[in-house]
N, C-alpha and C. Protein backbone atom coordinates (compact mmCIF):
# COMPACT_ATOMS: atom_id res chain seq x y z
N MET A 1 -54.64 34.70 -5.54
CA MET A 1 -55.23 33.38 -5.50
C MET A 1 -56.13 33.15 -6.71
N SER A 2 -56.96 34.14 -7.06
CA SER A 2 -57.86 33.97 -8.19
C SER A 2 -57.10 33.87 -9.50
N ARG A 3 -55.93 34.51 -9.59
CA ARG A 3 -55.12 34.43 -10.78
C ARG A 3 -54.63 33.00 -10.99
N TYR A 4 -54.24 32.32 -9.91
CA TYR A 4 -53.79 30.93 -10.01
C TYR A 4 -54.93 30.01 -10.40
N LEU A 5 -56.13 30.27 -9.89
CA LEU A 5 -57.30 29.47 -10.26
C LEU A 5 -57.59 29.62 -11.75
N CYS A 6 -57.50 30.84 -12.27
CA CYS A 6 -57.72 31.07 -13.71
C CYS A 6 -56.68 30.33 -14.55
N ILE A 7 -55.42 30.35 -14.11
CA ILE A 7 -54.36 29.66 -14.85
C ILE A 7 -54.61 28.15 -14.85
N ILE A 8 -54.98 27.60 -13.71
CA ILE A 8 -55.26 26.17 -13.62
C ILE A 8 -56.42 25.80 -14.52
N LEU A 9 -57.49 26.59 -14.49
CA LEU A 9 -58.65 26.30 -15.34
C LEU A 9 -58.28 26.41 -16.82
N PHE A 10 -57.44 27.36 -17.18
CA PHE A 10 -57.01 27.49 -18.57
C PHE A 10 -56.28 26.23 -19.03
N PHE A 11 -55.31 25.76 -18.24
CA PHE A 11 -54.55 24.58 -18.65
C PHE A 11 -55.41 23.32 -18.64
N LEU A 12 -56.35 23.23 -17.70
CA LEU A 12 -57.27 22.11 -17.69
C LEU A 12 -58.13 22.11 -18.94
N THR A 13 -58.60 23.27 -19.34
CA THR A 13 -59.42 23.39 -20.54
C THR A 13 -58.58 23.10 -21.79
N ALA A 14 -57.39 23.65 -21.87
CA ALA A 14 -56.54 23.45 -23.05
C ALA A 14 -56.12 22.00 -23.19
N SER A 15 -55.80 21.34 -22.09
CA SER A 15 -55.35 19.95 -22.18
C SER A 15 -56.48 19.01 -22.52
N SER A 16 -57.70 19.38 -22.19
CA SER A 16 -58.82 18.49 -22.47
C SER A 16 -59.48 18.81 -23.82
N HIS A 17 -59.00 19.84 -24.52
CA HIS A 17 -59.63 20.25 -25.77
C HIS A 17 -59.62 19.13 -26.82
N SER A 18 -58.61 18.27 -26.79
CA SER A 18 -58.53 17.21 -27.79
C SER A 18 -59.66 16.20 -27.66
N PHE A 19 -60.25 16.08 -26.48
CA PHE A 19 -61.36 15.14 -26.33
C PHE A 19 -62.60 15.84 -25.78
N ALA A 20 -62.68 17.15 -25.93
CA ALA A 20 -63.81 17.90 -25.40
C ALA A 20 -64.94 17.96 -26.41
N GLN A 21 -65.39 16.78 -26.84
CA GLN A 21 -66.54 16.72 -27.73
C GLN A 21 -67.80 16.79 -26.88
N ALA A 22 -68.88 17.07 -27.52
CA ALA A 22 -70.14 17.14 -26.79
C ALA A 22 -70.46 15.78 -26.19
N VAL A 23 -71.04 15.79 -25.01
CA VAL A 23 -71.44 14.55 -24.36
C VAL A 23 -72.57 13.90 -25.14
N SER A 24 -73.39 14.69 -25.75
CA SER A 24 -74.51 14.20 -26.53
C SER A 24 -74.49 14.92 -27.88
N ASN A 25 -75.10 14.33 -28.89
CA ASN A 25 -75.19 15.01 -30.17
C ASN A 25 -76.41 15.94 -30.21
N LYS A 26 -77.10 16.07 -29.11
CA LYS A 26 -78.26 16.95 -29.01
C LYS A 26 -77.81 18.35 -28.62
N MET A 27 -78.43 19.36 -29.22
CA MET A 27 -78.02 20.74 -29.00
C MET A 27 -78.82 21.45 -27.91
N ASN A 28 -79.97 20.91 -27.51
CA ASN A 28 -80.86 21.57 -26.56
C ASN A 28 -81.12 20.67 -25.36
N THR A 29 -81.27 21.29 -24.21
CA THR A 29 -81.63 20.57 -22.99
C THR A 29 -82.61 21.41 -22.20
N VAL A 30 -83.64 20.79 -21.70
CA VAL A 30 -84.54 21.43 -20.73
C VAL A 30 -84.35 20.67 -19.42
N PHE A 31 -84.32 21.41 -18.32
CA PHE A 31 -84.10 20.75 -17.04
C PHE A 31 -84.69 21.56 -15.90
N VAL A 32 -84.95 20.89 -14.80
CA VAL A 32 -85.33 21.55 -13.56
C VAL A 32 -84.14 21.45 -12.63
N GLU A 33 -83.99 22.48 -11.81
CA GLU A 33 -82.84 22.53 -10.92
C GLU A 33 -83.30 22.88 -9.51
N LEU A 34 -82.86 22.11 -8.56
CA LEU A 34 -83.10 22.38 -7.15
C LEU A 34 -81.82 23.01 -6.61
N GLY A 35 -81.91 24.21 -6.07
CA GLY A 35 -80.72 24.95 -5.66
C GLY A 35 -80.07 25.55 -6.88
N GLY A 36 -78.77 25.67 -6.86
CA GLY A 36 -78.05 26.15 -8.03
C GLY A 36 -78.40 27.56 -8.44
N ASN A 37 -78.39 27.83 -9.75
CA ASN A 37 -78.60 29.18 -10.27
C ASN A 37 -79.95 29.78 -9.91
N GLY A 38 -80.99 28.97 -9.82
CA GLY A 38 -82.31 29.51 -9.53
C GLY A 38 -82.55 29.84 -8.07
N LEU A 39 -81.58 29.58 -7.22
CA LEU A 39 -81.58 29.80 -5.78
C LEU A 39 -82.43 28.79 -5.01
N PHE A 40 -83.62 28.45 -5.46
CA PHE A 40 -84.41 27.41 -4.80
C PHE A 40 -84.86 26.36 -5.81
N LEU A 41 -85.75 26.73 -6.70
CA LEU A 41 -86.27 25.81 -7.71
C LEU A 41 -86.44 26.58 -9.02
N SER A 42 -85.96 25.99 -10.12
CA SER A 42 -86.08 26.69 -11.40
C SER A 42 -86.27 25.71 -12.55
N ALA A 43 -86.88 26.21 -13.62
CA ALA A 43 -87.02 25.48 -14.89
C ALA A 43 -86.13 26.22 -15.88
N ASN A 44 -85.32 25.46 -16.65
CA ASN A 44 -84.29 26.08 -17.48
C ASN A 44 -84.25 25.49 -18.88
N TYR A 45 -83.75 26.29 -19.81
CA TYR A 45 -83.49 25.87 -21.18
C TYR A 45 -82.02 26.14 -21.44
N GLU A 46 -81.32 25.13 -22.00
CA GLU A 46 -79.90 25.26 -22.31
C GLU A 46 -79.69 24.97 -23.79
N ARG A 47 -78.81 25.74 -24.42
CA ARG A 47 -78.52 25.57 -25.84
C ARG A 47 -77.01 25.53 -26.03
N GLN A 48 -76.54 24.52 -26.75
CA GLN A 48 -75.13 24.45 -27.12
C GLN A 48 -74.91 25.48 -28.22
N ILE A 49 -73.93 26.36 -28.04
CA ILE A 49 -73.73 27.47 -28.97
C ILE A 49 -73.15 27.01 -30.30
N PHE A 50 -72.10 26.21 -30.25
CA PHE A 50 -71.43 25.73 -31.45
C PHE A 50 -71.52 24.21 -31.51
N LYS A 51 -71.67 23.67 -32.68
CA LYS A 51 -71.82 22.22 -32.83
C LYS A 51 -70.56 21.46 -32.41
N ILE A 52 -69.37 22.02 -32.64
CA ILE A 52 -68.14 21.29 -32.33
C ILE A 52 -67.55 21.62 -30.96
N THR A 53 -68.02 22.65 -30.30
CA THR A 53 -67.50 23.05 -29.00
C THR A 53 -68.62 22.97 -27.96
N PRO A 54 -68.40 22.27 -26.85
CA PRO A 54 -69.45 22.11 -25.83
C PRO A 54 -69.58 23.33 -24.91
N LEU A 55 -69.81 24.48 -25.52
CA LEU A 55 -70.05 25.72 -24.79
C LEU A 55 -71.55 25.97 -24.84
N ASN A 56 -72.17 26.10 -23.68
CA ASN A 56 -73.63 26.21 -23.59
C ASN A 56 -74.04 27.51 -22.91
N ILE A 57 -75.20 28.03 -23.30
CA ILE A 57 -75.84 29.12 -22.58
C ILE A 57 -77.15 28.60 -22.03
N HIS A 58 -77.59 29.17 -20.91
CA HIS A 58 -78.87 28.74 -20.35
C HIS A 58 -79.61 29.92 -19.74
N VAL A 59 -80.92 29.83 -19.78
CA VAL A 59 -81.82 30.82 -19.17
C VAL A 59 -82.93 30.05 -18.48
N GLY A 60 -83.53 30.68 -17.50
CA GLY A 60 -84.61 30.00 -16.80
C GLY A 60 -85.47 30.95 -16.01
N VAL A 61 -86.42 30.36 -15.31
CA VAL A 61 -87.29 31.09 -14.41
C VAL A 61 -87.47 30.21 -13.18
N GLY A 62 -87.44 30.84 -12.01
CA GLY A 62 -87.54 30.06 -10.79
C GLY A 62 -88.24 30.83 -9.68
N ILE A 63 -88.22 30.22 -8.49
CA ILE A 63 -88.81 30.84 -7.31
C ILE A 63 -87.81 30.77 -6.17
N TYR A 64 -87.94 31.72 -5.25
CA TYR A 64 -87.10 31.75 -4.07
C TYR A 64 -87.86 32.50 -3.00
N GLY A 65 -87.74 32.08 -1.78
CA GLY A 65 -88.33 32.81 -0.67
C GLY A 65 -88.65 31.90 0.48
N ILE A 66 -88.76 32.51 1.65
CA ILE A 66 -89.07 31.75 2.86
C ILE A 66 -90.49 32.08 3.30
N THR A 67 -90.76 33.32 3.63
CA THR A 67 -92.12 33.69 4.04
C THR A 67 -92.96 34.15 2.87
N SER A 68 -92.33 34.66 1.83
CA SER A 68 -93.04 35.02 0.60
C SER A 68 -92.16 34.62 -0.57
N SER A 69 -92.77 34.36 -1.71
CA SER A 69 -92.03 33.87 -2.87
C SER A 69 -91.68 35.00 -3.82
N TYR A 70 -90.50 34.88 -4.41
CA TYR A 70 -90.03 35.83 -5.39
C TYR A 70 -89.66 35.08 -6.65
N VAL A 71 -89.83 35.72 -7.80
CA VAL A 71 -89.40 35.14 -9.07
C VAL A 71 -87.90 35.37 -9.21
N THR A 72 -87.20 34.34 -9.70
CA THR A 72 -85.79 34.48 -10.02
C THR A 72 -85.61 34.23 -11.51
N LEU A 73 -84.65 34.89 -12.10
CA LEU A 73 -84.35 34.73 -13.52
C LEU A 73 -82.87 34.35 -13.66
N PRO A 74 -82.56 33.05 -13.61
CA PRO A 74 -81.18 32.63 -13.75
C PRO A 74 -80.74 32.58 -15.21
N PHE A 75 -79.49 32.92 -15.45
CA PHE A 75 -78.91 32.81 -16.79
C PHE A 75 -77.41 32.59 -16.63
N GLY A 76 -76.79 32.00 -17.64
CA GLY A 76 -75.36 31.76 -17.53
C GLY A 76 -74.79 31.04 -18.73
N ILE A 77 -73.53 30.70 -18.58
CA ILE A 77 -72.78 30.02 -19.62
C ILE A 77 -71.97 28.91 -18.95
N ASN A 78 -71.81 27.77 -19.63
CA ASN A 78 -70.99 26.70 -19.07
C ASN A 78 -70.27 25.95 -20.17
N TYR A 79 -69.19 25.30 -19.76
CA TYR A 79 -68.35 24.54 -20.68
C TYR A 79 -68.25 23.12 -20.14
N LEU A 80 -68.37 22.13 -21.02
CA LEU A 80 -68.36 20.73 -20.63
C LEU A 80 -67.02 20.10 -21.02
N LEU A 81 -66.33 19.55 -20.03
CA LEU A 81 -65.07 18.84 -20.25
C LEU A 81 -65.38 17.35 -20.17
N LYS A 82 -65.45 16.70 -21.32
CA LYS A 82 -65.85 15.29 -21.38
C LYS A 82 -64.81 14.42 -20.72
N LEU A 83 -65.29 13.49 -19.89
CA LEU A 83 -64.41 12.49 -19.30
C LEU A 83 -64.27 11.35 -20.30
N ARG A 84 -63.09 10.85 -20.48
CA ARG A 84 -62.82 9.83 -21.50
C ARG A 84 -63.65 8.58 -21.27
N ASN A 85 -64.14 8.03 -22.40
CA ASN A 85 -64.85 6.75 -22.43
C ASN A 85 -66.07 6.69 -21.52
N THR A 86 -66.71 7.83 -21.29
CA THR A 86 -67.93 7.85 -20.47
C THR A 86 -68.92 8.82 -21.09
N ASN A 87 -70.12 8.81 -20.57
CA ASN A 87 -71.13 9.81 -20.94
C ASN A 87 -71.19 10.91 -19.88
N SER A 88 -70.12 11.09 -19.14
CA SER A 88 -70.05 12.09 -18.08
C SER A 88 -69.06 13.18 -18.45
N CYS A 89 -69.19 14.31 -17.78
CA CYS A 89 -68.26 15.41 -18.00
C CYS A 89 -68.19 16.29 -16.77
N ILE A 90 -67.15 17.09 -16.74
CA ILE A 90 -67.02 18.14 -15.74
C ILE A 90 -67.72 19.37 -16.33
N ASP A 91 -68.60 19.97 -15.57
CA ASP A 91 -69.40 21.12 -16.00
C ASP A 91 -68.87 22.35 -15.26
N ILE A 92 -68.23 23.27 -15.98
CA ILE A 92 -67.68 24.50 -15.38
C ILE A 92 -68.49 25.67 -15.93
N GLY A 93 -69.01 26.50 -15.04
CA GLY A 93 -69.85 27.58 -15.53
C GLY A 93 -69.79 28.85 -14.71
N PHE A 94 -70.43 29.86 -15.25
CA PHE A 94 -70.56 31.14 -14.58
C PHE A 94 -71.95 31.66 -14.88
N GLY A 95 -72.67 32.03 -13.83
CA GLY A 95 -74.03 32.50 -14.03
C GLY A 95 -74.36 33.65 -13.12
N ALA A 96 -75.54 34.17 -13.32
CA ALA A 96 -76.07 35.23 -12.49
C ALA A 96 -77.57 35.01 -12.39
N THR A 97 -78.15 35.51 -11.32
CA THR A 97 -79.58 35.39 -11.12
C THR A 97 -80.14 36.73 -10.69
N TYR A 98 -81.14 37.18 -11.43
CA TYR A 98 -81.83 38.42 -11.10
C TYR A 98 -83.03 38.08 -10.22
N THR A 99 -83.23 38.84 -9.16
CA THR A 99 -84.39 38.64 -8.30
C THR A 99 -84.71 39.94 -7.56
N LYS A 100 -85.91 40.03 -7.05
CA LYS A 100 -86.29 41.15 -6.19
C LYS A 100 -86.18 40.76 -4.72
N ALA A 101 -85.76 39.53 -4.44
CA ALA A 101 -85.62 39.08 -3.06
C ALA A 101 -84.45 39.80 -2.41
N ASP A 102 -84.70 40.45 -1.31
CA ASP A 102 -83.69 41.15 -0.53
C ASP A 102 -83.20 40.17 0.52
N VAL A 103 -82.15 39.43 0.19
CA VAL A 103 -81.78 38.29 1.02
C VAL A 103 -80.35 38.44 1.52
N LYS A 104 -80.16 38.28 2.81
CA LYS A 104 -78.82 38.15 3.37
C LYS A 104 -78.50 36.68 3.33
N LEU A 105 -77.55 36.30 2.49
CA LEU A 105 -77.30 34.89 2.23
C LEU A 105 -76.80 34.13 3.45
N TYR A 106 -76.01 34.76 4.29
CA TYR A 106 -75.45 34.01 5.40
C TYR A 106 -76.50 33.59 6.41
N SER A 107 -77.63 34.24 6.45
CA SER A 107 -78.66 33.85 7.42
C SER A 107 -79.86 33.20 6.75
N ILE A 108 -79.93 33.22 5.42
CA ILE A 108 -81.04 32.63 4.66
C ILE A 108 -82.39 33.11 5.18
N VAL A 109 -82.49 34.34 5.57
CA VAL A 109 -83.78 34.90 5.95
C VAL A 109 -83.96 36.20 5.20
N GLU A 110 -85.19 36.52 4.93
CA GLU A 110 -85.45 37.78 4.25
C GLU A 110 -85.12 38.92 5.20
N HIS A 111 -84.44 39.91 4.68
CA HIS A 111 -83.98 41.03 5.49
C HIS A 111 -84.80 42.27 5.15
N ARG A 112 -85.48 42.79 6.12
CA ARG A 112 -86.24 44.02 5.93
C ARG A 112 -85.89 44.98 7.06
N ASP A 113 -85.59 46.19 6.73
CA ASP A 113 -85.44 47.19 7.78
C ASP A 113 -86.58 48.20 7.64
N ASN A 114 -86.62 49.16 8.50
CA ASN A 114 -87.72 50.13 8.50
C ASN A 114 -87.74 50.98 7.24
N ASN A 115 -86.62 51.13 6.59
CA ASN A 115 -86.53 51.95 5.38
C ASN A 115 -86.50 51.09 4.12
N TYR A 116 -87.11 49.92 4.16
CA TYR A 116 -87.05 48.97 3.05
C TYR A 116 -87.67 49.56 1.78
N ILE A 117 -86.94 49.45 0.68
CA ILE A 117 -87.45 49.83 -0.64
C ILE A 117 -87.26 48.62 -1.53
N ASN A 118 -88.34 48.18 -2.17
CA ASN A 118 -88.24 47.02 -3.06
C ASN A 118 -87.25 47.34 -4.16
N SER A 119 -86.28 46.49 -4.36
CA SER A 119 -85.20 46.78 -5.29
C SER A 119 -84.89 45.54 -6.11
N ASN A 120 -83.95 45.65 -7.00
CA ASN A 120 -83.51 44.55 -7.83
C ASN A 120 -82.14 44.08 -7.36
N PHE A 121 -81.93 42.77 -7.39
CA PHE A 121 -80.67 42.21 -6.92
C PHE A 121 -80.13 41.23 -7.94
N ILE A 122 -78.81 41.23 -8.09
CA ILE A 122 -78.13 40.27 -8.94
C ILE A 122 -77.24 39.42 -8.05
N ASN A 123 -77.39 38.11 -8.15
CA ASN A 123 -76.54 37.16 -7.44
C ASN A 123 -75.58 36.56 -8.47
N ILE A 124 -74.30 36.56 -8.17
CA ILE A 124 -73.28 36.00 -9.04
C ILE A 124 -73.04 34.55 -8.60
N ILE A 125 -73.07 33.62 -9.58
CA ILE A 125 -73.02 32.20 -9.24
C ILE A 125 -72.07 31.44 -10.17
N PRO A 126 -70.80 31.28 -9.77
CA PRO A 126 -69.93 30.37 -10.51
C PRO A 126 -70.30 28.93 -10.15
N SER A 127 -69.93 27.97 -10.99
CA SER A 127 -70.29 26.59 -10.67
C SER A 127 -69.27 25.61 -11.23
N ILE A 128 -69.17 24.48 -10.55
CA ILE A 128 -68.40 23.35 -11.04
C ILE A 128 -69.10 22.09 -10.55
N GLY A 129 -69.25 21.13 -11.45
CA GLY A 129 -69.96 19.93 -11.07
C GLY A 129 -69.70 18.78 -12.01
N ILE A 130 -70.40 17.71 -11.77
CA ILE A 130 -70.32 16.52 -12.62
C ILE A 130 -71.67 16.35 -13.30
N ARG A 131 -71.63 16.09 -14.58
CA ARG A 131 -72.86 15.95 -15.38
C ARG A 131 -72.81 14.63 -16.11
N HIS A 132 -73.95 13.95 -16.16
CA HIS A 132 -74.03 12.66 -16.85
C HIS A 132 -75.18 12.69 -17.84
N GLN A 133 -74.94 12.17 -19.03
CA GLN A 133 -75.95 12.07 -20.08
C GLN A 133 -76.20 10.59 -20.33
N THR A 134 -77.44 10.13 -20.17
CA THR A 134 -77.75 8.72 -20.40
C THR A 134 -77.91 8.44 -21.88
N ASN A 135 -77.97 7.18 -22.23
CA ASN A 135 -78.16 6.78 -23.64
C ASN A 135 -79.55 7.18 -24.15
N LYS A 136 -80.49 7.44 -23.26
CA LYS A 136 -81.84 7.85 -23.67
C LYS A 136 -82.02 9.36 -23.59
N ASN A 137 -80.91 10.09 -23.58
CA ASN A 137 -80.88 11.56 -23.61
C ASN A 137 -81.38 12.23 -22.33
N TYR A 138 -81.41 11.51 -21.23
CA TYR A 138 -81.69 12.14 -19.94
C TYR A 138 -80.38 12.68 -19.39
N MET A 139 -80.47 13.81 -18.72
CA MET A 139 -79.29 14.45 -18.15
C MET A 139 -79.52 14.66 -16.66
N TYR A 140 -78.49 14.41 -15.87
CA TYR A 140 -78.53 14.84 -14.48
C TYR A 140 -77.16 15.38 -14.10
N ARG A 141 -77.19 16.31 -13.11
CA ARG A 141 -75.97 17.03 -12.74
C ARG A 141 -76.00 17.36 -11.25
N PHE A 142 -74.86 17.23 -10.61
CA PHE A 142 -74.63 17.70 -9.25
C PHE A 142 -73.57 18.79 -9.33
N SER A 143 -73.83 19.94 -8.70
CA SER A 143 -72.91 21.07 -8.84
C SER A 143 -72.65 21.75 -7.50
N PHE A 144 -71.46 22.27 -7.36
CA PHE A 144 -71.14 23.20 -6.28
C PHE A 144 -71.32 24.58 -6.86
N THR A 145 -72.24 25.38 -6.29
CA THR A 145 -72.61 26.67 -6.87
C THR A 145 -72.62 27.76 -5.79
N PRO A 146 -71.46 28.26 -5.39
CA PRO A 146 -71.47 29.32 -4.38
C PRO A 146 -72.20 30.56 -4.91
N VAL A 147 -72.92 31.22 -4.02
CA VAL A 147 -73.73 32.38 -4.40
C VAL A 147 -73.14 33.63 -3.73
N PHE A 148 -72.95 34.68 -4.53
CA PHE A 148 -72.42 35.94 -4.01
C PHE A 148 -73.36 37.07 -4.40
N ASN A 149 -73.61 37.97 -3.45
CA ASN A 149 -74.34 39.20 -3.76
C ASN A 149 -73.75 40.33 -2.94
N GLN A 150 -74.41 41.49 -2.91
CA GLN A 150 -73.83 42.65 -2.24
C GLN A 150 -73.74 42.46 -0.73
N TYR A 151 -74.42 41.48 -0.15
CA TYR A 151 -74.36 41.25 1.27
C TYR A 151 -73.22 40.32 1.67
N ASP A 152 -73.12 39.19 0.98
CA ASP A 152 -72.20 38.15 1.45
C ASP A 152 -72.08 37.06 0.40
N GLY A 153 -71.41 35.99 0.76
CA GLY A 153 -71.29 34.81 -0.07
C GLY A 153 -71.73 33.59 0.72
N LEU A 154 -72.16 32.57 0.02
CA LEU A 154 -72.65 31.37 0.67
C LEU A 154 -72.28 30.15 -0.17
N PRO A 155 -71.64 29.13 0.43
CA PRO A 155 -71.44 27.90 -0.33
C PRO A 155 -72.81 27.28 -0.58
N TYR A 156 -73.05 26.81 -1.77
CA TYR A 156 -74.37 26.34 -2.16
C TYR A 156 -74.20 25.18 -3.12
N VAL A 157 -75.21 24.37 -3.27
CA VAL A 157 -75.16 23.23 -4.19
C VAL A 157 -76.41 23.24 -5.06
N GLY A 158 -76.36 22.48 -6.15
CA GLY A 158 -77.51 22.35 -7.03
C GLY A 158 -77.61 20.93 -7.59
N PHE A 159 -78.81 20.52 -7.85
CA PHE A 159 -79.07 19.25 -8.50
C PHE A 159 -80.02 19.51 -9.66
N SER A 160 -79.65 19.02 -10.85
CA SER A 160 -80.47 19.22 -12.06
C SER A 160 -80.81 17.88 -12.67
N ILE A 161 -82.00 17.82 -13.27
CA ILE A 161 -82.40 16.65 -14.03
C ILE A 161 -83.21 17.16 -15.23
N GLY A 162 -82.96 16.56 -16.40
CA GLY A 162 -83.66 17.04 -17.59
C GLY A 162 -83.52 16.11 -18.77
N ASN A 163 -83.88 16.62 -19.94
CA ASN A 163 -83.90 15.85 -21.16
C ASN A 163 -83.27 16.66 -22.30
N SER A 164 -82.42 16.00 -23.08
CA SER A 164 -81.78 16.64 -24.23
C SER A 164 -82.50 16.26 -25.51
N PHE A 165 -82.57 17.20 -26.43
CA PHE A 165 -83.23 16.94 -27.72
C PHE A 165 -82.55 17.70 -28.84
């Protein structure tokens, strides 16, 4: 199944390459995200890697937790497939988030057993969403961002708003 998804994404990317120009002529974006890569709330910086290809990397810092808060460090890469004659695009990405939160995703509660040892966790977060860039360089995005870690997987969403410069 995953092989077919990769093939579909490849052909979608290849067919859109002729019009896959950057949505904005700005190379940098700062944004806040609710949900998504930061797990709860995060502040992020995104940089377009190449001027002619809309391939971006992003890093951030966020918080996550229910009874106590943990720092999250989201990072990732995404590609923008521009929709014709609009300031919108399809945003396809892959990210990961480092945190010390010991979280069972399916129950969204902190999991502690009697032998708990504070440890480091990596959550894998692929994403696909719609992104819009306004004429005044504001950006907003809605994304489907499922989260996977060593415990389980969880369908998740994210909303971002920011400014490009």
